[in-house]
Amino acid sequence: MRALQKMETIETPESSNIARDGFDDKLHVEFKAGAKWEYDAPRSEFERMKKAKSVGSFFSSEIKGKYPGRQVE
């Protein structure tokens, strides 16, 4: 994942699946299992994800399968 420390990142300790997410020109998601992905989602989706009651549920219903993504690192 492109240096998450250089972009706005959100730690998600309450999520059982997602460790953190961030945004620069793409949405970056780091899973607790260690996989890191980036998605061609707009910043507005990152903003919605930050406000979601469940980050994992939001990711599953609003990002995964709707925006192209690729595993990084």
C-alpha atoms as a PDB file:
ATOM      1  CA  MET A   1       0.000   0.000   0.000  1.00  0.00           C
ATOM      2  CA  ARG A   2       1.384   3.377  -0.834  1.00  0.00           C
ATOM      3  CA  ALA A   3       2.588   4.847   2.412  1.00  0.00           C
ATOM      4  CA  LEU A   4      -0.628   5.093   4.412  1.00  0.00           C
ATOM      5  CA  GLN A   5       1.201   7.316   6.856  1.00  0.00           C
ATOM      6  CA  LYS A   6       1.348  10.050   4.153  1.00  0.00           C
ATOM      7  CA  MET A   7      -2.409  10.171   3.649  1.00  0.00           C
ATOM      8  CA  GLU A   8      -5.414  10.520   5.879  1.00  0.00           C
ATOM      9  CA  THR A   9      -5.963   7.126   7.464  1.00  0.00           C
ATOM     10  CA  ILE A  10      -8.596   5.817   9.793  1.00  0.00           C
ATOM     11  CA  GLU A  11      -7.820   3.045  12.271  1.00  0.00           C
ATOM     12  CA  THR A  12     -10.811   0.748  12.698  1.00  0.00           C
ATOM     13  CA  PRO A  13     -10.245  -1.331  15.848  1.00  0.00           C
ATOM     14  CA  GLU A  14     -13.998  -1.957  16.170  1.00  0.00           C
ATOM     15  CA  SER A  15     -14.032  -3.756  12.800  1.00  0.00           C
ATOM     16  CA  SER A  16     -13.476  -7.493  12.840  1.00  0.00           C
ATOM     17  CA  ASN A  17     -12.080  -7.456   9.294  1.00  0.00           C
ATOM     18  CA  ILE A  18     -10.604  -4.049   8.394  1.00  0.00           C
ATOM     19  CA  ALA A  19      -7.559  -2.702  10.251  1.00  0.00           C
ATOM     20  CA  ARG A  20      -7.441   0.739   8.581  1.00  0.00           C
ATOM     21  CA  ASP A  21      -8.394   2.610   5.485  1.00  0.00           C
ATOM     22  CA  GLY A  22      -7.109   5.718   3.789  1.00  0.00           C
ATOM     23  CA  PHE A  23      -7.420   7.859   0.714  1.00  0.00           C
ATOM     24  CA  ASP A  24      -5.054   9.662  -1.619  1.00  0.00           C
ATOM     25  CA  ASP A  25      -6.107   9.285  -5.250  1.00  0.00           C
ATOM     26  CA  LYS A  26      -7.593   5.848  -4.472  1.00  0.00           C
ATOM     27  CA  LEU A  27      -9.294   4.208  -1.520  1.00  0.00           C
ATOM     28  CA  HIS A  28      -6.814   2.047   0.394  1.00  0.00           C
ATOM     29  CA  VAL A  29      -7.948  -0.758   2.664  1.00  0.00           C
ATOM     30  CA  GLU A  30      -5.743  -2.852   4.937  1.00  0.00           C
ATOM     31  CA  PHE A  31      -7.356  -5.982   6.283  1.00  0.00           C
ATOM     32  CA  LYS A  32      -6.563  -7.448   9.688  1.00  0.00           C
ATOM     33  CA  ALA A  33      -5.388 -10.621   7.945  1.00  0.00           C
ATOM     34  CA  GLY A  34      -2.643  -8.487   6.362  1.00  0.00           C
ATOM     35  CA  ALA A  35      -3.845  -8.060   2.764  1.00  0.00           C
ATOM     36  CA  LYS A  36      -3.696  -4.513   1.386  1.00  0.00           C
ATOM     37  CA  TRP A  37      -5.907  -3.369  -1.453  1.00  0.00           C
ATOM     38  CA  GLU A  38      -6.595  -0.169  -3.357  1.00  0.00           C
ATOM     39  CA  TYR A  39      -9.882   0.639  -5.055  1.00  0.00           C
ATOM     40  CA  ASP A  40     -10.814   3.138  -7.756  1.00  0.00           C
ATOM     41  CA  ALA A  41     -13.488   4.639  -5.531  1.00  0.00           C
ATOM     42  CA  PRO A  42     -14.043   8.392  -5.210  1.00  0.00           C
ATOM     43  CA  ARG A  43     -13.170  10.334  -2.067  1.00  0.00           C
ATOM     44  CA  SER A  44     -16.885  10.654  -1.323  1.00  0.00           C
ATOM     45  CA  GLU A  45     -17.002   6.895  -0.652  1.00  0.00           C
ATOM     46  CA  PHE A  46     -14.088   7.217   1.780  1.00  0.00           C
ATOM     47  CA  GLU A  47     -15.984  10.004   3.555  1.00  0.00           C
ATOM     48  CA  ARG A  48     -19.109   7.824   3.736  1.00  0.00           C
ATOM     49  CA  MET A  49     -17.027   4.875   4.980  1.00  0.00           C
ATOM     50  CA  LYS A  50     -15.588   7.020   7.807  1.00  0.00           C
ATOM     51  CA  LYS A  51     -19.126   7.791   8.993  1.00  0.00           C
ATOM     52  CA  ALA A  52     -20.516   4.284   8.625  1.00  0.00           C
ATOM     53  CA  LYS A  53     -21.789   2.494  11.704  1.00  0.00           C
ATOM     54  CA  SER A  54     -19.994  -0.645  10.467  1.00  0.00           C
ATOM     55  CA  VAL A  55     -16.938  -0.095   8.260  1.00  0.00           C
ATOM     56  CA  GLY A  56     -16.860  -3.750   7.211  1.00  0.00           C
ATOM     57  CA  SER A  57     -20.527  -3.818   6.234  1.00  0.00           C
ATOM     58  CA  PHE A  58     -20.157  -0.570   4.322  1.00  0.00           C
ATOM     59  CA  PHE A  59     -17.101  -1.920   2.509  1.00  0.00           C
ATOM     60  CA  SER A  60     -18.896  -5.157   1.600  1.00  0.00           C
ATOM     61  CA  SER A  61     -22.051  -3.480   0.327  1.00  0.00           C
ATOM     62  CA  GLU A  62     -20.745  -0.229  -1.178  1.00  0.00           C
ATOM     63  CA  ILE A  63     -17.136  -0.813  -2.327  1.00  0.00           C
ATOM     64  CA  LYS A  64     -16.319  -4.476  -2.922  1.00  0.00           C
ATOM     65  CA  GLY A  65     -17.494  -5.551  -6.365  1.00  0.00           C
ATOM     66  CA  LYS A  66     -18.627  -2.031  -7.299  1.00  0.00           C
ATOM     67  CA  TYR A  67     -15.206  -0.430  -7.840  1.00  0.00           C
ATOM     68  CA  PRO A  68     -12.161  -1.972  -9.508  1.00  0.00           C
ATOM     69  CA  GLY A  69      -9.579  -3.020  -6.960  1.00  0.00           C
ATOM     70  CA  ARG A  70      -6.194  -4.651  -6.841  1.00  0.00           C
ATOM     71  CA  GLN A  71      -4.046  -6.145  -4.132  1.00  0.00           C
ATOM     72  CA  VAL A  72      -0.881  -4.156  -3.453  1.00  0.00           C
ATOM     73  CA  GLU A  73       2.467  -4.906  -1.743  1.00  0.00           C
END
